[in-house]
Amino acid sequence: MSSDSGPQWRRAFCAVLVRDMRLRLRHGSDWGSPLVFFALITTLFPLATTPDPVTLARVAPGVVWVAALLAVLLSLEALFREDRDDGTLEQMMFSPVPTWWLVLAKLCAHWLMTGLPLALVAPVPGIMLALPAQGFWALSLSLALGSATLILIGAIGAALTVSVRRGGLLLSLMVLPLYIPVLIFGAGVVRLAGEGAAVAPYLAILGALLAGALALAPWACAAALRLGQDS
């Protein structure tokens, strides 16, 4: 990379990041729908099962994490579709900045508008589900790490199905099996924290999953998008 390419890469990254965040803020449903979906699931669950605090505390980590997983999945279908429809995706392909770098900026914006808000509001349904107070920090931290991994993995499916009309079902079938390790260890962090046990090993695994997804997903998305443009 030449000395001039560094600032160019940074400017391009910031431009895509700011653009995507502004577009999502302008269209409230893009960032509001996952939060509403998340809130509905976690609110309706105790109404449909039992108000017993002991039972709710036992299942709270799994309920919150499944709700967050589905909320992230709901937000992924349109991740690249609007850019494909308005020609932005084609411009990204011909940009002097590598496509994977611009994709990474889009994924960061998506996490800031979807994954981070889910992590910040997660203690509220935790209270409703009688989660022990010592588990709140673990819930937010695990969701911050895990939601980023879910978005990175799901983005690969979104890139592969960007040319498919109503590809939401196909996207779900592709990525849900890959979400299982994140779900297991994310819920495990919350459960162990609620019991007062050590959570560092599970958090380390979540961090390793995030690092692996971060290392592979942008390049895989760029290749999938290029394949979709050529088809």
C-alpha atoms as a PDB file:
ATOM      1  CA  MET A   1       0.000   0.000   0.000  1.00  0.00           C
ATOM      2  CA  SER A   2       1.506   3.358  -1.046  1.00  0.00           C
ATOM      3  CA  SER A   3       1.802   6.349   1.270  1.00  0.00           C
ATOM      4  CA  ASP A   4      -1.108   8.078  -0.496  1.00  0.00           C
ATOM      5  CA  SER A   5      -3.443   5.113  -0.310  1.00  0.00           C
ATOM      6  CA  GLY A   6      -3.709   5.173   3.497  1.00  0.00           C
ATOM      7  CA  PRO A   7      -5.584   8.502   3.733  1.00  0.00           C
ATOM      8  CA  GLN A   8      -7.663   7.517   0.695  1.00  0.00           C
ATOM      9  CA  TRP A   9      -8.737   4.289   2.396  1.00  0.00           C
ATOM     10  CA  ARG A  10      -9.615   6.149   5.607  1.00  0.00           C
ATOM     11  CA  ARG A  11     -11.648   8.769   3.737  1.00  0.00           C
ATOM     12  CA  ALA A  12     -13.524   6.089   1.818  1.00  0.00           C
ATOM     13  CA  PHE A  13     -14.209   4.096   5.000  1.00  0.00           C
ATOM     14  CA  CYS A  14     -15.527   7.145   6.854  1.00  0.00           C
ATOM     15  CA  ALA A  15     -17.622   8.243   3.866  1.00  0.00           C
ATOM     16  CA  VAL A  16     -19.368   4.859   3.585  1.00  0.00           C
ATOM     17  CA  LEU A  17     -19.793   4.616   7.356  1.00  0.00           C
ATOM     18  CA  VAL A  18     -21.375   8.060   7.675  1.00  0.00           C
ATOM     19  CA  ARG A  19     -23.538   7.582   4.575  1.00  0.00           C
ATOM     20  CA  ASP A  20     -24.981   4.291   5.777  1.00  0.00           C
ATOM     21  CA  MET A  21     -25.674   5.618   9.273  1.00  0.00           C
ATOM     22  CA  ARG A  22     -27.426   8.678   7.863  1.00  0.00           C
ATOM     23  CA  LEU A  23     -29.562   6.538   5.571  1.00  0.00           C
ATOM     24  CA  ARG A  24     -30.610   4.331   8.474  1.00  0.00           C
ATOM     25  CA  LEU A  25     -31.400   7.322  10.650  1.00  0.00           C
ATOM     26  CA  ARG A  26     -33.477   8.796   7.838  1.00  0.00           C
ATOM     27  CA  HIS A  27     -35.444   5.564   7.462  1.00  0.00           C
ATOM     28  CA  GLY A  28     -36.417   4.776  11.037  1.00  0.00           C
ATOM     29  CA  SER A  29     -37.704   1.313  10.202  1.00  0.00           C
ATOM     30  CA  ASP A  30     -34.191   0.199   9.197  1.00  0.00           C
ATOM     31  CA  TRP A  31     -32.914   0.470  12.760  1.00  0.00           C
ATOM     32  CA  GLY A  32     -36.178   0.556  14.698  1.00  0.00           C
ATOM     33  CA  SER A  33     -37.712  -2.690  13.454  1.00  0.00           C
ATOM     34  CA  PRO A  34     -35.065  -4.997  15.004  1.00  0.00           C
ATOM     35  CA  LEU A  35     -35.424  -3.223  18.353  1.00  0.00           C
ATOM     36  CA  VAL A  36     -39.219  -3.470  18.262  1.00  0.00           C
ATOM     37  CA  PHE A  37     -39.002  -7.139  17.268  1.00  0.00           C
ATOM     38  CA  PHE A  38     -36.543  -7.792  20.092  1.00  0.00           C
ATOM     39  CA  ALA A  39     -38.775  -6.040  22.614  1.00  0.00           C
ATOM     40  CA  LEU A  40     -41.895  -7.889  21.474  1.00  0.00           C
ATOM     41  CA  ILE A  41     -40.357 -11.345  21.816  1.00  0.00           C
ATOM     42  CA  THR A  42     -38.888 -10.709  25.254  1.00  0.00           C
ATOM     43  CA  THR A  43     -42.134  -9.082  26.451  1.00  0.00           C
ATOM     44  CA  LEU A  44     -44.498 -11.747  25.165  1.00  0.00           C
ATOM     45  CA  PHE A  45     -42.471 -14.701  26.410  1.00  0.00           C
ATOM     46  CA  PRO A  46     -43.330 -14.368  30.132  1.00  0.00           C
ATOM     47  CA  LEU A  47     -46.965 -13.680  29.212  1.00  0.00           C
ATOM     48  CA  ALA A  48     -47.131 -16.914  27.223  1.00  0.00           C
ATOM     49  CA  THR A  49     -45.300 -19.119  29.728  1.00  0.00           C
ATOM     50  CA  THR A  50     -45.167 -18.324  33.431  1.00  0.00           C
ATOM     51  CA  PRO A  51     -44.611 -15.277  35.666  1.00  0.00           C
ATOM     52  CA  ASP A  52     -42.577 -17.368  38.123  1.00  0.00           C
ATOM     53  CA  PRO A  53     -39.289 -15.449  38.676  1.00  0.00           C
ATOM     54  CA  VAL A  54     -37.237 -18.601  39.285  1.00  0.00           C
ATOM     55  CA  THR A  55     -38.326 -20.176  36.000  1.00  0.00           C
ATOM     56  CA  LEU A  56     -37.897 -16.933  34.073  1.00  0.00           C
ATOM     57  CA  ALA A  57     -34.398 -16.367  35.476  1.00  0.00           C
ATOM     58  CA  ARG A  58     -33.409 -19.861  34.362  1.00  0.00           C
ATOM     59  CA  VAL A  59     -34.506 -19.339  30.746  1.00  0.00           C
ATOM     60  CA  ALA A  60     -33.752 -15.596  30.462  1.00  0.00           C
ATOM     61  CA  PRO A  61     -30.270 -15.944  28.851  1.00  0.00           C
ATOM     62  CA  GLY A  62     -31.583 -18.183  26.092  1.00  0.00           C
ATOM     63  CA  VAL A  63     -34.712 -16.101  25.474  1.00  0.00           C
ATOM     64  CA  VAL A  64     -32.834 -12.806  25.202  1.00  0.00           C
ATOM     65  CA  TRP A  65     -30.155 -14.287  22.983  1.00  0.00           C
ATOM     66  CA  VAL A  66     -32.606 -16.006  20.621  1.00  0.00           C
ATOM     67  CA  ALA A  67     -34.590 -12.760  20.370  1.00  0.00           C
ATOM     68  CA  ALA A  68     -31.410 -10.813  19.571  1.00  0.00           C
ATOM     69  CA  LEU A  69     -30.325 -13.399  16.987  1.00  0.00           C
ATOM     70  CA  LEU A  70     -33.672 -13.204  15.185  1.00  0.00           C
ATOM     71  CA  ALA A  71     -33.667  -9.397  15.352  1.00  0.00           C
ATOM     72  CA  VAL A  72     -30.220  -9.273  13.717  1.00  0.00           C
ATOM     73  CA  LEU A  73     -31.325 -11.778  11.087  1.00  0.00           C
ATOM     74  CA  LEU A  74     -34.394  -9.645  10.348  1.00  0.00           C
ATOM     75  CA  SER A  75     -32.181  -6.651   9.606  1.00  0.00           C
ATOM     76  CA  LEU A  76     -29.795  -8.406   7.204  1.00  0.00           C
ATOM     77  CA  GLU A  77     -31.967  -9.053   4.159  1.00  0.00           C
ATOM     78  CA  ALA A  78     -31.793  -5.447   2.938  1.00  0.00           C
ATOM     79  CA  LEU A  79     -28.119  -4.954   3.862  1.00  0.00           C
ATOM     80  CA  PHE A  80     -26.894  -4.787   0.237  1.00  0.00           C
ATOM     81  CA  ARG A  81     -30.156  -4.772  -1.701  1.00  0.00           C
ATOM     82  CA  GLU A  82     -30.786  -1.027  -1.721  1.00  0.00           C
ATOM     83  CA  ASP A  83     -27.209  -0.390  -2.833  1.00  0.00           C
ATOM     84  CA  ARG A  84     -27.701  -2.867  -5.657  1.00  0.00           C
ATOM     85  CA  ASP A  85     -30.954  -1.242  -6.744  1.00  0.00           C
ATOM     86  CA  ASP A  86     -29.617   2.338  -6.820  1.00  0.00           C
ATOM     87  CA  GLY A  87     -26.264   1.474  -8.435  1.00  0.00           C
ATOM     88  CA  THR A  88     -24.105   2.147  -5.371  1.00  0.00           C
ATOM     89  CA  LEU A  89     -22.929  -1.441  -5.309  1.00  0.00           C
ATOM     90  CA  GLU A  90     -21.647  -1.216  -8.864  1.00  0.00           C
ATOM     91  CA  GLN A  91     -19.725   1.951  -8.030  1.00  0.00           C
ATOM     92  CA  MET A  92     -18.139   0.164  -5.075  1.00  0.00           C
ATOM     93  CA  MET A  93     -16.888  -2.554  -7.419  1.00  0.00           C
ATOM     94  CA  PHE A  94     -15.103  -0.009  -9.631  1.00  0.00           C
ATOM     95  CA  SER A  95     -13.733   2.088  -6.773  1.00  0.00           C
ATOM     96  CA  PRO A  96      -9.931   2.302  -6.445  1.00  0.00           C
ATOM     97  CA  VAL A  97     -10.417   1.324  -2.798  1.00  0.00           C
ATOM     98  CA  PRO A  98     -10.813  -2.467  -2.332  1.00  0.00           C
ATOM     99  CA  THR A  99     -14.402  -3.648  -2.149  1.00  0.00           C
ATOM    100  CA  TRP A 100     -13.802  -5.602   1.064  1.00  0.00           C
ATOM    101  CA  TRP A 101     -12.750  -2.386   2.808  1.00  0.00           C
ATOM    102  CA  LEU A 102     -15.965  -0.614   1.811  1.00  0.00           C
ATOM    103  CA  VAL A 103     -17.988  -3.666   2.834  1.00  0.00           C
ATOM    104  CA  LEU A 104     -16.306  -3.545   6.241  1.00  0.00           C
ATOM    105  CA  ALA A 105     -17.411   0.074   6.610  1.00  0.00           C
ATOM    106  CA  LYS A 106     -21.005  -0.930   5.787  1.00  0.00           C
ATOM    107  CA  LEU A 107     -20.893  -3.721   8.358  1.00  0.00           C
ATOM    108  CA  CYS A 108     -19.536  -1.382  11.023  1.00  0.00           C
ATOM    109  CA  ALA A 109     -22.379   1.049  10.329  1.00  0.00           C
ATOM    110  CA  HIS A 110     -24.878  -1.791  10.495  1.00  0.00           C
ATOM    111  CA  TRP A 111     -23.529  -2.911  13.869  1.00  0.00           C
ATOM    112  CA  LEU A 112     -23.597   0.627  15.247  1.00  0.00           C
ATOM    113  CA  MET A 113     -27.259   0.988  14.231  1.00  0.00           C
ATOM    114  CA  THR A 114     -28.442  -2.544  15.080  1.00  0.00           C
ATOM    115  CA  GLY A 115     -26.107  -4.620  17.242  1.00  0.00           C
ATOM    116  CA  LEU A 116     -24.980  -1.889  19.640  1.00  0.00           C
ATOM    117  CA  PRO A 117     -28.537  -0.659  20.417  1.00  0.00           C
ATOM    118  CA  LEU A 118     -29.601  -4.252  21.106  1.00  0.00           C
ATOM    119  CA  ALA A 119     -26.710  -4.643  23.542  1.00  0.00           C
ATOM    120  CA  LEU A 120     -27.538  -1.368  25.295  1.00  0.00           C
ATOM    121  CA  VAL A 121     -31.255  -2.063  25.777  1.00  0.00           C
ATOM    122  CA  ALA A 122     -30.809  -5.757  26.667  1.00  0.00           C
ATOM    123  CA  PRO A 123     -30.840  -5.185  30.469  1.00  0.00           C
ATOM    124  CA  VAL A 124     -34.437  -3.929  30.232  1.00  0.00           C
ATOM    125  CA  PRO A 125     -35.866  -7.276  29.059  1.00  0.00           C
ATOM    126  CA  GLY A 126     -33.394  -8.866  31.473  1.00  0.00           C
ATOM    127  CA  ILE A 127     -35.249  -7.139  34.305  1.00  0.00           C
ATOM    128  CA  MET A 128     -38.599  -8.288  32.908  1.00  0.00           C
ATOM    129  CA  LEU A 129     -37.308 -11.862  32.769  1.00  0.00           C
ATOM    130  CA  ALA A 130     -36.022 -11.733  36.363  1.00  0.00           C
ATOM    131  CA  LEU A 131     -32.379 -12.066  35.328  1.00  0.00           C
ATOM    132  CA  PRO A 132     -30.070 -11.580  38.348  1.00  0.00           C
ATOM    133  CA  ALA A 133     -28.600  -8.095  38.477  1.00  0.00           C
ATOM    134  CA  GLN A 134     -25.025  -9.412  38.301  1.00  0.00           C
ATOM    135  CA  GLY A 135     -25.819 -10.803  34.836  1.00  0.00           C
ATOM    136  CA  PHE A 136     -26.721  -7.459  33.242  1.00  0.00           C
ATOM    137  CA  TRP A 137     -23.183  -6.422  32.360  1.00  0.00           C
ATOM    138  CA  ALA A 138     -22.445  -9.864  30.920  1.00  0.00           C
ATOM    139  CA  LEU A 139     -25.635  -9.695  28.859  1.00  0.00           C
ATOM    140  CA  SER A 140     -24.703  -6.355  27.284  1.00  0.00           C
ATOM    141  CA  LEU A 141     -21.053  -7.290  26.734  1.00  0.00           C
ATOM    142  CA  SER A 142     -21.838 -10.692  25.232  1.00  0.00           C
ATOM    143  CA  LEU A 143     -24.453  -9.169  22.930  1.00  0.00           C
ATOM    144  CA  ALA A 144     -22.029  -6.455  21.824  1.00  0.00           C
ATOM    145  CA  LEU A 145     -19.466  -9.086  20.851  1.00  0.00           C
ATOM    146  CA  GLY A 146     -21.938 -11.673  19.603  1.00  0.00           C
ATOM    147  CA  SER A 147     -24.088  -9.329  17.543  1.00  0.00           C
ATOM    148  CA  ALA A 148     -21.002  -8.184  15.635  1.00  0.00           C
ATOM    149  CA  THR A 149     -20.191 -11.815  14.841  1.00  0.00           C
ATOM    150  CA  LEU A 150     -23.798 -12.496  13.807  1.00  0.00           C
ATOM    151  CA  ILE A 151     -23.770  -9.498  11.473  1.00  0.00           C
ATOM    152  CA  LEU A 152     -20.449 -10.501   9.901  1.00  0.00           C
ATOM    153  CA  ILE A 153     -21.583 -14.090   9.292  1.00  0.00           C
ATOM    154  CA  GLY A 154     -25.039 -13.030   8.123  1.00  0.00           C
ATOM    155  CA  ALA A 155     -23.561 -10.492   5.728  1.00  0.00           C
ATOM    156  CA  ILE A 156     -22.030 -13.335   3.722  1.00  0.00           C
ATOM    157  CA  GLY A 157     -25.483 -14.859   3.268  1.00  0.00           C
ATOM    158  CA  ALA A 158     -26.916 -11.430   2.440  1.00  0.00           C
ATOM    159  CA  ALA A 159     -24.254 -10.939  -0.237  1.00  0.00           C
ATOM    160  CA  LEU A 160     -24.935 -14.360  -1.738  1.00  0.00           C
ATOM    161  CA  THR A 161     -28.695 -13.738  -1.898  1.00  0.00           C
ATOM    162  CA  VAL A 162     -28.618 -10.076  -2.926  1.00  0.00           C
ATOM    163  CA  SER A 163     -29.763 -10.983  -6.451  1.00  0.00           C
ATOM    164  CA  VAL A 164     -32.541 -13.287  -5.218  1.00  0.00           C
ATOM    165  CA  ARG A 165     -35.987 -11.765  -4.865  1.00  0.00           C
ATOM    166  CA  ARG A 166     -37.397 -12.321  -1.381  1.00  0.00           C
ATOM    167  CA  GLY A 167     -34.263 -14.169  -0.360  1.00  0.00           C
ATOM    168  CA  GLY A 168     -34.951 -13.836   3.364  1.00  0.00           C
ATOM    169  CA  LEU A 169     -35.853 -17.498   3.811  1.00  0.00           C
ATOM    170  CA  LEU A 170     -32.799 -18.652   1.872  1.00  0.00           C
ATOM    171  CA  LEU A 171     -30.626 -16.310   3.914  1.00  0.00           C
ATOM    172  CA  SER A 172     -32.008 -17.761   7.149  1.00  0.00           C
ATOM    173  CA  LEU A 173     -31.389 -21.338   6.042  1.00  0.00           C
ATOM    174  CA  MET A 174     -27.820 -20.504   5.075  1.00  0.00           C
ATOM    175  CA  VAL A 175     -26.673 -18.695   8.200  1.00  0.00           C
ATOM    176  CA  LEU A 176     -28.703 -20.140  11.080  1.00  0.00           C
ATOM    177  CA  PRO A 177     -26.477 -23.259  11.441  1.00  0.00           C
ATOM    178  CA  LEU A 178     -23.425 -20.968  11.631  1.00  0.00           C
ATOM    179  CA  TYR A 179     -25.071 -18.928  14.380  1.00  0.00           C
ATOM    180  CA  ILE A 180     -25.327 -21.869  16.794  1.00  0.00           C
ATOM    181  CA  PRO A 181     -21.832 -21.533  18.399  1.00  0.00           C
ATOM    182  CA  VAL A 182     -22.384 -17.812  19.009  1.00  0.00           C
ATOM    183  CA  LEU A 183     -25.783 -18.540  20.550  1.00  0.00           C
ATOM    184  CA  ILE A 184     -24.419 -21.267  22.842  1.00  0.00           C
ATOM    185  CA  PHE A 185     -21.480 -19.290  24.204  1.00  0.00           C
ATOM    186  CA  GLY A 186     -23.363 -15.964  24.334  1.00  0.00           C
ATOM    187  CA  ALA A 187     -26.156 -17.430  26.437  1.00  0.00           C
ATOM    188  CA  GLY A 188     -23.538 -19.305  28.469  1.00  0.00           C
ATOM    189  CA  VAL A 189     -21.825 -16.049  29.441  1.00  0.00           C
ATOM    190  CA  VAL A 190     -25.087 -14.633  30.794  1.00  0.00           C
ATOM    191  CA  ARG A 191     -25.992 -17.826  32.635  1.00  0.00           C
ATOM    192  CA  LEU A 192     -22.582 -18.106  34.323  1.00  0.00           C
ATOM    193  CA  ALA A 193     -22.580 -14.425  35.294  1.00  0.00           C
ATOM    194  CA  GLY A 194     -26.023 -14.797  36.841  1.00  0.00           C
ATOM    195  CA  GLU A 195     -24.702 -17.706  38.906  1.00  0.00           C
ATOM    196  CA  GLY A 196     -21.625 -15.744  39.988  1.00  0.00           C
ATOM    197  CA  ALA A 197     -19.236 -18.033  38.101  1.00  0.00           C
ATOM    198  CA  ALA A 198     -16.233 -17.033  35.975  1.00  0.00           C
ATOM    199  CA  VAL A 199     -17.192 -15.939  32.463  1.00  0.00           C
ATOM    200  CA  ALA A 200     -13.731 -15.132  31.052  1.00  0.00           C
ATOM    201  CA  PRO A 201     -13.362 -18.411  29.083  1.00  0.00           C
ATOM    202  CA  TYR A 202     -16.722 -17.969  27.336  1.00  0.00           C
ATOM    203  CA  LEU A 203     -15.988 -14.304  26.598  1.00  0.00           C
ATOM    204  CA  ALA A 204     -12.624 -15.343  25.152  1.00  0.00           C
ATOM    205  CA  ILE A 205     -14.388 -17.792  22.833  1.00  0.00           C
ATOM    206  CA  LEU A 206     -16.845 -15.081  21.745  1.00  0.00           C
ATOM    207  CA  GLY A 207     -13.874 -12.812  21.044  1.00  0.00           C
ATOM    208  CA  ALA A 208     -12.167 -15.544  19.023  1.00  0.00           C
ATOM    209  CA  LEU A 209     -15.344 -16.106  16.989  1.00  0.00           C
ATOM    210  CA  LEU A 210     -15.530 -12.368  16.319  1.00  0.00           C
ATOM    211  CA  ALA A 211     -11.876 -12.219  15.270  1.00  0.00           C
ATOM    212  CA  GLY A 212     -12.344 -15.137  12.887  1.00  0.00           C
ATOM    213  CA  ALA A 213     -15.477 -13.643  11.366  1.00  0.00           C
ATOM    214  CA  LEU A 214     -13.808 -10.240  11.051  1.00  0.00           C
ATOM    215  CA  ALA A 215     -10.851 -11.788   9.256  1.00  0.00           C
ATOM    216  CA  LEU A 216     -12.949 -13.692   6.704  1.00  0.00           C
ATOM    217  CA  ALA A 217     -16.344 -12.053   6.249  1.00  0.00           C
ATOM    218  CA  PRO A 218     -15.415  -8.805   4.402  1.00  0.00           C
ATOM    219  CA  TRP A 219     -13.448 -10.713   1.743  1.00  0.00           C
ATOM    220  CA  ALA A 220     -16.146 -13.357   1.408  1.00  0.00           C
ATOM    221  CA  CYS A 221     -18.832 -10.671   1.058  1.00  0.00           C
ATOM    222  CA  ALA A 222     -16.820  -8.819  -1.573  1.00  0.00           C
ATOM    223  CA  ALA A 223     -16.336 -12.026  -3.581  1.00  0.00           C
ATOM    224  CA  ALA A 224     -20.030 -12.894  -3.315  1.00  0.00           C
ATOM    225  CA  LEU A 225     -21.104  -9.403  -4.380  1.00  0.00           C
ATOM    226  CA  ARG A 226     -18.719  -9.501  -7.344  1.00  0.00           C
ATOM    227  CA  LEU A 227     -20.119 -12.876  -8.337  1.00  0.00           C
ATOM    228  CA  GLY A 228     -23.652 -11.488  -8.142  1.00  0.00           C
ATOM    229  CA  GLN A 229     -22.715  -8.498 -10.315  1.00  0.00           C
ATOM    230  CA  ASP A 230     -21.174 -10.754 -12.969  1.00  0.00           C
ATOM    231  CA  SER A 231     -24.189 -13.095 -13.104  1.00  0.00           C
END
